[in-house]
Amino acid sequence: MSGQDLSELLQYSSPEWLYVVTWNNVLKQLIVPFRVAVMSPVGHLTIGQVVYVEEVKITLNLITVFIVEGNAYYYHHFDILID
């Protein structure tokens, strides 16, 4: 992916929100901070711990990263909690 392709894609993303599709196929926008549960131990976080995502980032390989307590973690360590 070229730098121009990446910049065009990133114009549709924001560190302030994330779109998710719920279990019943409803598109929902989550505004940070939003709650997540830790599904696998990572850093100093333990399984089952509920934390808040402070920012949403994306890597150059287009992998979503959550900023939690000032640290960056891949999204797959978490389960998003939707009220």
PDB file of N, CA and C in Angstrom:
ATOM      1  N   MET A   1       0.854  -1.172   0.000  1.00  0.00           N
ATOM      2  CA  MET A   1       0.000   0.000   0.000  1.00  0.00           C
ATOM      3  C   MET A   1       0.894   1.226   0.000  1.00  0.00           C
ATOM      4  N   SER A   2       0.599   2.127  -0.886  1.00  0.00           N
ATOM      5  CA  SER A   2       1.408   3.336  -0.980  1.00  0.00           C
ATOM      6  C   SER A   2       1.014   4.327   0.112  1.00  0.00           C
ATOM      7  N   GLY A   3       1.863   5.311   0.300  1.00  0.00           N
ATOM      8  CA  GLY A   3       1.573   6.347   1.285  1.00  0.00           C
ATOM      9  C   GLY A   3       0.308   7.116   0.948  1.00  0.00           C
ATOM     10  N   GLN A   4       0.066   7.329  -0.339  1.00  0.00           N
ATOM     11  CA  GLN A   4      -1.142   8.042  -0.752  1.00  0.00           C
ATOM     12  C   GLN A   4      -2.386   7.199  -0.469  1.00  0.00           C
ATOM     13  N   ASP A   5      -2.304   5.886  -0.737  1.00  0.00           N
ATOM     14  CA  ASP A   5      -3.440   4.998  -0.435  1.00  0.00           C
ATOM     15  C   ASP A   5      -3.750   5.027   1.054  1.00  0.00           C
ATOM     16  N   LEU A   6      -2.704   4.978   1.869  1.00  0.00           N
ATOM     17  CA  LEU A   6      -2.883   5.002   3.318  1.00  0.00           C
ATOM     18  C   LEU A   6      -3.486   6.327   3.769  1.00  0.00           C
ATOM     19  N   SER A   7      -3.019   7.425   3.242  1.00  0.00           N
ATOM     20  CA  SER A   7      -3.550   8.725   3.657  1.00  0.00           C
ATOM     21  C   SER A   7      -5.014   8.879   3.257  1.00  0.00           C
ATOM     22  N   GLU A   8      -5.397   8.324   2.096  1.00  0.00           N
ATOM     23  CA  GLU A   8      -6.795   8.382   1.688  1.00  0.00           C
ATOM     24  C   GLU A   8      -7.671   7.546   2.621  1.00  0.00           C
ATOM     25  N   LEU A   9      -7.176   6.392   3.040  1.00  0.00           N
ATOM     26  CA  LEU A   9      -7.924   5.537   3.951  1.00  0.00           C
ATOM     27  C   LEU A   9      -8.055   6.181   5.331  1.00  0.00           C
ATOM     28  N   LEU A  10      -6.992   6.791   5.803  1.00  0.00           N
ATOM     29  CA  LEU A  10      -6.994   7.376   7.147  1.00  0.00           C
ATOM     30  C   LEU A  10      -7.893   8.605   7.269  1.00  0.00           C
ATOM     31  N   GLN A  11      -8.282   9.208   6.163  1.00  0.00           N
ATOM     32  CA  GLN A  11      -9.176  10.355   6.258  1.00  0.00           C
ATOM     33  C   GLN A  11     -10.548   9.947   6.773  1.00  0.00           C
ATOM     34  N   TYR A  12     -10.851   8.644   6.760  1.00  0.00           N
ATOM     35  CA  TYR A  12     -12.137   8.149   7.245  1.00  0.00           C
ATOM     36  C   TYR A  12     -12.042   7.566   8.646  1.00  0.00           C
ATOM     37  N   SER A  13     -10.915   7.732   9.313  1.00  0.00           N
ATOM     38  CA  SER A  13     -10.765   7.209  10.671  1.00  0.00           C
ATOM     39  C   SER A  13     -10.482   8.354  11.635  1.00  0.00           C
ATOM     40  N   SER A  14     -10.676   8.064  12.909  1.00  0.00           N
ATOM     41  CA  SER A  14     -10.460   9.087  13.931  1.00  0.00           C
ATOM     42  C   SER A  14     -10.024   8.422  15.225  1.00  0.00           C
ATOM     43  N   PRO A  15      -9.172   9.074  16.004  1.00  0.00           N
ATOM     44  CA  PRO A  15      -8.813   8.534  17.320  1.00  0.00           C
ATOM     45  C   PRO A  15      -9.930   8.727  18.343  1.00  0.00           C
ATOM     46  N   GLU A  16     -10.993   9.441  17.947  1.00  0.00           N
ATOM     47  CA  GLU A  16     -12.078   9.788  18.863  1.00  0.00           C
ATOM     48  C   GLU A  16     -13.282   8.864  18.812  1.00  0.00           C
ATOM     49  N   TRP A  17     -13.394   7.995  17.792  1.00  0.00           N
ATOM     50  CA  TRP A  17     -14.560   7.130  17.667  1.00  0.00           C
ATOM     51  C   TRP A  17     -14.214   5.858  16.906  1.00  0.00           C
ATOM     52  N   LEU A  18     -15.113   4.879  17.021  1.00  0.00           N
ATOM     53  CA  LEU A  18     -14.946   3.593  16.349  1.00  0.00           C
ATOM     54  C   LEU A  18     -16.324   3.078  15.973  1.00  0.00           C
ATOM     55  N   TYR A  19     -16.463   2.581  14.754  1.00  0.00           N
ATOM     56  CA  TYR A  19     -17.715   1.955  14.335  1.00  0.00           C
ATOM     57  C   TYR A  19     -17.611   0.453  14.557  1.00  0.00           C
ATOM     58  N   VAL A  20     -18.668  -0.142  15.130  1.00  0.00           N
ATOM     59  CA  VAL A  20     -18.735  -1.581  15.329  1.00  0.00           C
ATOM     60  C   VAL A  20     -20.098  -2.078  14.857  1.00  0.00           C
ATOM     61  N   VAL A  21     -20.142  -3.354  14.499  1.00  0.00           N
ATOM     62  CA  VAL A  21     -21.408  -3.998  14.157  1.00  0.00           C
ATOM     63  C   VAL A  21     -21.767  -4.901  15.329  1.00  0.00           C
ATOM     64  N   THR A  22     -22.940  -4.694  15.915  1.00  0.00           N
ATOM     65  CA  THR A  22     -23.363  -5.460  17.087  1.00  0.00           C
ATOM     66  C   THR A  22     -23.802  -6.859  16.684  1.00  0.00           C
ATOM     67  N   TRP A  23     -24.085  -7.695  17.671  1.00  0.00           N
ATOM     68  CA  TRP A  23     -24.487  -9.086  17.436  1.00  0.00           C
ATOM     69  C   TRP A  23     -25.747  -9.184  16.581  1.00  0.00           C
ATOM     70  N   ASN A  24     -26.598  -8.150  16.625  1.00  0.00           N
ATOM     71  CA  ASN A  24     -27.843  -8.174  15.844  1.00  0.00           C
ATOM     72  C   ASN A  24     -27.757  -7.293  14.590  1.00  0.00           C
ATOM     73  N   ASN A  25     -26.527  -7.133  14.069  1.00  0.00           N
ATOM     74  CA  ASN A  25     -26.261  -6.426  12.809  1.00  0.00           C
ATOM     75  C   ASN A  25     -26.654  -4.957  12.809  1.00  0.00           C
ATOM     76  N   VAL A  26     -26.471  -4.287  13.921  1.00  0.00           N
ATOM     77  CA  VAL A  26     -26.710  -2.851  14.010  1.00  0.00           C
ATOM     78  C   VAL A  26     -25.351  -2.146  14.019  1.00  0.00           C
ATOM     79  N   LEU A  27     -25.188  -1.172  13.135  1.00  0.00           N
ATOM     80  CA  LEU A  27     -23.967  -0.381  13.099  1.00  0.00           C
ATOM     81  C   LEU A  27     -24.041   0.662  14.205  1.00  0.00           C
ATOM     82  N   LYS A  28     -23.004   0.687  15.051  1.00  0.00           N
ATOM     83  CA  LYS A  28     -23.013   1.598  16.192  1.00  0.00           C
ATOM     84  C   LYS A  28     -21.688   2.349  16.249  1.00  0.00           C
ATOM     85  N   GLN A  29     -21.764   3.622  16.539  1.00  0.00           N
ATOM     86  CA  GLN A  29     -20.557   4.429  16.702  1.00  0.00           C
ATOM     87  C   GLN A  29     -20.249   4.544  18.189  1.00  0.00           C
ATOM     88  N   LEU A  30     -19.043   4.154  18.568  1.00  0.00           N
ATOM     89  CA  LEU A  30     -18.594   4.292  19.954  1.00  0.00           C
ATOM     90  C   LEU A  30     -17.682   5.504  20.040  1.00  0.00           C
ATOM     91  N   ILE A  31     -17.967   6.363  20.982  1.00  0.00           N
ATOM     92  CA  ILE A  31     -17.164   7.557  21.222  1.00  0.00           C
ATOM     93  C   ILE A  31     -16.236   7.265  22.396  1.00  0.00           C
ATOM     94  N   VAL A  32     -14.958   7.609  22.269  1.00  0.00           N
ATOM     95  CA  VAL A  32     -14.037   7.392  23.380  1.00  0.00           C
ATOM     96  C   VAL A  32     -14.329   8.387  24.487  1.00  0.00           C
ATOM     97  N   PRO A  33     -14.164   7.999  25.745  1.00  0.00           N
ATOM     98  CA  PRO A  33     -13.725   6.669  26.177  1.00  0.00           C
ATOM     99  C   PRO A  33     -14.886   5.674  26.167  1.00  0.00           C
ATOM    100  N   PHE A  34     -14.602   4.428  25.763  1.00  0.00           N
ATOM    101  CA  PHE A  34     -15.577   3.354  25.854  1.00  0.00           C
ATOM    102  C   PHE A  34     -14.951   2.171  26.589  1.00  0.00           C
ATOM    103  N   ARG A  35     -15.817   1.337  27.166  1.00  0.00           N
ATOM    104  CA  ARG A  35     -15.350   0.244  28.023  1.00  0.00           C
ATOM    105  C   ARG A  35     -15.030  -1.006  27.211  1.00  0.00           C
ATOM    106  N   VAL A  36     -13.978  -1.699  27.637  1.00  0.00           N
ATOM    107  CA  VAL A  36     -13.614  -2.989  27.077  1.00  0.00           C
ATOM    108  C   VAL A  36     -13.211  -3.914  28.218  1.00  0.00           C
ATOM    109  N   ALA A  37     -13.370  -5.211  27.999  1.00  0.00           N
ATOM    110  CA  ALA A  37     -12.922  -6.224  28.963  1.00  0.00           C
ATOM    111  C   ALA A  37     -11.693  -6.900  28.378  1.00  0.00           C
ATOM    112  N   VAL A  38     -10.714  -7.146  29.225  1.00  0.00           N
ATOM    113  CA  VAL A  38      -9.474  -7.801  28.796  1.00  0.00           C
ATOM    114  C   VAL A  38      -9.751  -9.288  28.603  1.00  0.00           C
ATOM    115  N   MET A  39      -9.456  -9.828  27.403  1.00  0.00           N
ATOM    116  CA  MET A  39      -9.692 -11.241  27.109  1.00  0.00           C
ATOM    117  C   MET A  39      -8.432 -12.083  27.229  1.00  0.00           C
ATOM    118  N   SER A  40      -7.269 -11.471  27.085  1.00  0.00           N
ATOM    119  CA  SER A  40      -6.009 -12.189  27.252  1.00  0.00           C
ATOM    120  C   SER A  40      -5.031 -11.258  27.954  1.00  0.00           C
ATOM    121  N   PRO A  41      -4.219 -11.800  28.849  1.00  0.00           N
ATOM    122  CA  PRO A  41      -3.301 -10.933  29.604  1.00  0.00           C
ATOM    123  C   PRO A  41      -2.314 -10.232  28.674  1.00  0.00           C
ATOM    124  N   VAL A  42      -2.202  -8.956  28.842  1.00  0.00           N
ATOM    125  CA  VAL A  42      -1.289  -8.162  28.018  1.00  0.00           C
ATOM    126  C   VAL A  42      -0.787  -7.005  28.883  1.00  0.00           C
ATOM    127  N   GLY A  43       0.517  -6.757  28.827  1.00  0.00           N
ATOM    128  CA  GLY A  43       1.092  -5.709  29.669  1.00  0.00           C
ATOM    129  C   GLY A  43       0.782  -5.977  31.128  1.00  0.00           C
ATOM    130  N   HIS A  44       0.293  -4.981  31.821  1.00  0.00           N
ATOM    131  CA  HIS A  44      -0.078  -5.154  33.227  1.00  0.00           C
ATOM    132  C   HIS A  44      -1.573  -5.437  33.404  1.00  0.00           C
ATOM    133  N   LEU A  45      -2.289  -5.649  32.302  1.00  0.00           N
ATOM    134  CA  LEU A  45      -3.733  -5.910  32.350  1.00  0.00           C
ATOM    135  C   LEU A  45      -3.984  -7.404  32.536  1.00  0.00           C
ATOM    136  N   THR A  46      -5.024  -7.727  33.295  1.00  0.00           N
ATOM    137  CA  THR A  46      -5.339  -9.127  33.567  1.00  0.00           C
ATOM    138  C   THR A  46      -6.689  -9.504  32.968  1.00  0.00           C
ATOM    139  N   ILE A  47      -6.876 -10.788  32.737  1.00  0.00           N
ATOM    140  CA  ILE A  47      -8.118 -11.286  32.146  1.00  0.00           C
ATOM    141  C   ILE A  47      -9.306 -10.883  33.015  1.00  0.00           C
ATOM    142  N   GLY A  48     -10.361 -10.402  32.357  1.00  0.00           N
ATOM    143  CA  GLY A  48     -11.583 -10.002  33.054  1.00  0.00           C
ATOM    144  C   GLY A  48     -11.595  -8.565  33.537  1.00  0.00           C
ATOM    145  N   GLN A  49     -10.463  -7.931  33.552  1.00  0.00           N
ATOM    146  CA  GLN A  49     -10.389  -6.536  33.984  1.00  0.00           C
ATOM    147  C   GLN A  49     -11.140  -5.656  32.986  1.00  0.00           C
ATOM    148  N   VAL A  50     -11.911  -4.703  33.477  1.00  0.00           N
ATOM    149  CA  VAL A  50     -12.633  -3.757  32.619  1.00  0.00           C
ATOM    150  C   VAL A  50     -11.882  -2.434  32.649  1.00  0.00           C
ATOM    151  N   VAL A  51     -11.538  -1.942  31.449  1.00  0.00           N
ATOM    152  CA  VAL A  51     -10.768  -0.705  31.323  1.00  0.00           C
ATOM    153  C   VAL A  51     -11.421   0.179  30.258  1.00  0.00           C
ATOM    154  N   TYR A  52     -10.962   1.396  30.161  1.00  0.00           N
ATOM    155  CA  TYR A  52     -11.483   2.337  29.178  1.00  0.00           C
ATOM    156  C   TYR A  52     -10.462   2.582  28.065  1.00  0.00           C
ATOM    157  N   VAL A  53     -10.950   2.603  26.831  1.00  0.00           N
ATOM    158  CA  VAL A  53     -10.115   2.947  25.681  1.00  0.00           C
ATOM    159  C   VAL A  53     -10.088   4.468  25.587  1.00  0.00           C
ATOM    160  N   GLU A  54      -8.880   5.014  25.595  1.00  0.00           N
ATOM    161  CA  GLU A  54      -8.698   6.462  25.573  1.00  0.00           C
ATOM    162  C   GLU A  54      -8.580   7.015  24.156  1.00  0.00           C
ATOM    163  N   GLU A  55      -8.050   6.202  23.236  1.00  0.00           N
ATOM    164  CA  GLU A  55      -7.896   6.593  21.838  1.00  0.00           C
ATOM    165  C   GLU A  55      -7.905   5.337  20.979  1.00  0.00           C
ATOM    166  N   VAL A  56      -8.263   5.513  19.720  1.00  0.00           N
ATOM    167  CA  VAL A  56      -8.213   4.420  18.751  1.00  0.00           C
ATOM    168  C   VAL A  56      -7.210   4.823  17.673  1.00  0.00           C
ATOM    169  N   LYS A  57      -6.240   3.947  17.431  1.00  0.00           N
ATOM    170  CA  LYS A  57      -5.212   4.215  16.426  1.00  0.00           C
ATOM    171  C   LYS A  57      -5.218   3.085  15.411  1.00  0.00           C
ATOM    172  N   ILE A  58      -4.421   3.240  14.365  1.00  0.00           N
ATOM    173  CA  ILE A  58      -4.278   2.201  13.348  1.00  0.00           C
ATOM    174  C   ILE A  58      -2.808   2.131  12.965  1.00  0.00           C
ATOM    175  N   THR A  59      -2.301   0.902  12.776  1.00  0.00           N
ATOM    176  CA  THR A  59      -0.898   0.726  12.405  1.00  0.00           C
ATOM    177  C   THR A  59      -0.741   0.874  10.902  1.00  0.00           C
ATOM    178  N   LEU A  60       0.498   0.891  10.434  1.00  0.00           N
ATOM    179  CA  LEU A  60       0.757   0.951   8.997  1.00  0.00           C
ATOM    180  C   LEU A  60       0.237  -0.294   8.286  1.00  0.00           C
ATOM    181  N   ASN A  61       0.072  -1.396   9.035  1.00  0.00           N
ATOM    182  CA  ASN A  61      -0.474  -2.634   8.472  1.00  0.00           C
ATOM    183  C   ASN A  61      -1.987  -2.699   8.619  1.00  0.00           C
ATOM    184  N   LEU A  62      -2.605  -1.578   8.991  1.00  0.00           N
ATOM    185  CA  LEU A  62      -4.058  -1.441   9.137  1.00  0.00           C
ATOM    186  C   LEU A  62      -4.633  -2.315  10.246  1.00  0.00           C
ATOM    187  N   ILE A  63      -3.901  -2.469  11.332  1.00  0.00           N
ATOM    188  CA  ILE A  63      -4.388  -3.182  12.516  1.00  0.00           C
ATOM    189  C   ILE A  63      -4.817  -2.145  13.540  1.00  0.00           C
ATOM    190  N   THR A  64      -6.017  -2.327  14.085  1.00  0.00           N
ATOM    191  CA  THR A  64      -6.550  -1.386  15.066  1.00  0.00           C
ATOM    192  C   THR A  64      -5.823  -1.551  16.400  1.00  0.00           C
ATOM    193  N   VAL A  65      -5.497  -0.423  16.997  1.00  0.00           N
ATOM    194  CA  VAL A  65      -4.791  -0.385  18.280  1.00  0.00           C
ATOM    195  C   VAL A  65      -5.600   0.478  19.236  1.00  0.00           C
ATOM    196  N   PHE A  66      -5.778  -0.014  20.461  1.00  0.00           N
ATOM    197  CA  PHE A  66      -6.457   0.753  21.503  1.00  0.00           C
ATOM    198  C   PHE A  66      -5.409   1.327  22.449  1.00  0.00           C
ATOM    199  N   ILE A  67      -5.558   2.588  22.802  1.00  0.00           N
ATOM    200  CA  ILE A  67      -4.720   3.211  23.829  1.00  0.00           C
ATOM    201  C   ILE A  67      -5.476   3.081  25.148  1.00  0.00           C
ATOM    202  N   VAL A  68      -4.888   2.330  26.078  1.00  0.00           N
ATOM    203  CA  VAL A  68      -5.495   2.060  27.385  1.00  0.00           C
ATOM    204  C   VAL A  68      -4.470   2.421  28.450  1.00  0.00           C
ATOM    205  N   GLU A  69      -4.855   3.306  29.350  1.00  0.00           N
ATOM    206  CA  GLU A  69      -3.971   3.760  30.435  1.00  0.00           C
ATOM    207  C   GLU A  69      -2.617   4.227  29.886  1.00  0.00           C
ATOM    208  N   GLY A  70      -2.667   4.888  28.733  1.00  0.00           N
ATOM    209  CA  GLY A  70      -1.460   5.455  28.141  1.00  0.00           C
ATOM    210  C   GLY A  70      -0.613   4.476  27.353  1.00  0.00           C
ATOM    211  N   ASN A  71      -1.017   3.211  27.269  1.00  0.00           N
ATOM    212  CA  ASN A  71      -0.254   2.196  26.540  1.00  0.00           C
ATOM    213  C   ASN A  71      -1.047   1.693  25.342  1.00  0.00           C
ATOM    214  N   ALA A  72      -0.343   1.314  24.278  1.00  0.00           N
ATOM    215  CA  ALA A  72      -0.977   0.829  23.054  1.00  0.00           C
ATOM    216  C   ALA A  72      -1.049  -0.692  23.052  1.00  0.00           C
ATOM    217  N   TYR A  73      -2.254  -1.223  22.743  1.00  0.00           N
ATOM    218  CA  TYR A  73      -2.471  -2.669  22.666  1.00  0.00           C
ATOM    219  C   TYR A  73      -3.309  -2.971  21.427  1.00  0.00           C
ATOM    220  N   TYR A  74      -3.020  -4.122  20.793  1.00  0.00           N
ATOM    221  CA  TYR A  74      -3.854  -4.547  19.667  1.00  0.00           C
ATOM    222  C   TYR A  74      -5.270  -4.818  20.152  1.00  0.00           C
ATOM    223  N   TYR A  75      -6.230  -4.539  19.281  1.00  0.00           N
ATOM    224  CA  TYR A  75      -7.649  -4.652  19.614  1.00  0.00           C
ATOM    225  C   TYR A  75      -8.062  -6.062  20.007  1.00  0.00           C
ATOM    226  N   HIS A  76      -7.396  -7.095  19.489  1.00  0.00           N
ATOM    227  CA  HIS A  76      -7.850  -8.471  19.704  1.00  0.00           C
ATOM    228  C   HIS A  76      -7.649  -8.972  21.129  1.00  0.00           C
ATOM    229  N   HIS A  77      -7.013  -8.181  21.983  1.00  0.00           N
ATOM    230  CA  HIS A  77      -6.877  -8.533  23.400  1.00  0.00           C
ATOM    231  C   HIS A  77      -8.116  -8.157  24.207  1.00  0.00           C
ATOM    232  N   PHE A  78      -9.088  -7.514  23.559  1.00  0.00           N
ATOM    233  CA  PHE A  78     -10.224  -6.937  24.286  1.00  0.00           C
ATOM    234  C   PHE A  78     -11.570  -7.366  23.700  1.00  0.00           C
ATOM    235  N   ASP A  79     -12.580  -7.340  24.545  1.00  0.00           N
ATOM    236  CA  ASP A  79     -13.956  -7.518  24.144  1.00  0.00           C
ATOM    237  C   ASP A  79     -14.655  -6.190  24.403  1.00  0.00           C
ATOM    238  N   ILE A  80     -15.225  -5.595  23.375  1.00  0.00           N
ATOM    239  CA  ILE A  80     -15.882  -4.295  23.514  1.00  0.00           C
ATOM    240  C   ILE A  80     -17.204  -4.485  24.257  1.00  0.00           C
ATOM    241  N   LEU A  81     -17.416  -3.684  25.272  1.00  0.00           N
ATOM    242  CA  LEU A  81     -18.641  -3.747  26.082  1.00  0.00           C
ATOM    243  C   LEU A  81     -19.582  -2.648  25.614  1.00  0.00           C
ATOM    244  N   ILE A  82     -20.703  -3.074  25.057  1.00  0.00           N
ATOM    245  CA  ILE A  82     -21.695  -2.122  24.547  1.00  0.00           C
ATOM    246  C   ILE A  82     -22.890  -2.133  25.486  1.00  0.00           C
ATOM    247  N   ASP A  83     -23.306  -0.957  25.945  1.00  0.00           N
ATOM    248  CA  ASP A  83     -24.426  -0.856  26.881  1.00  0.00           C
ATOM    249  C   ASP A  83     -25.741  -1.132  26.201  1.00  0.00           C
TER     250      ASP A  83
END
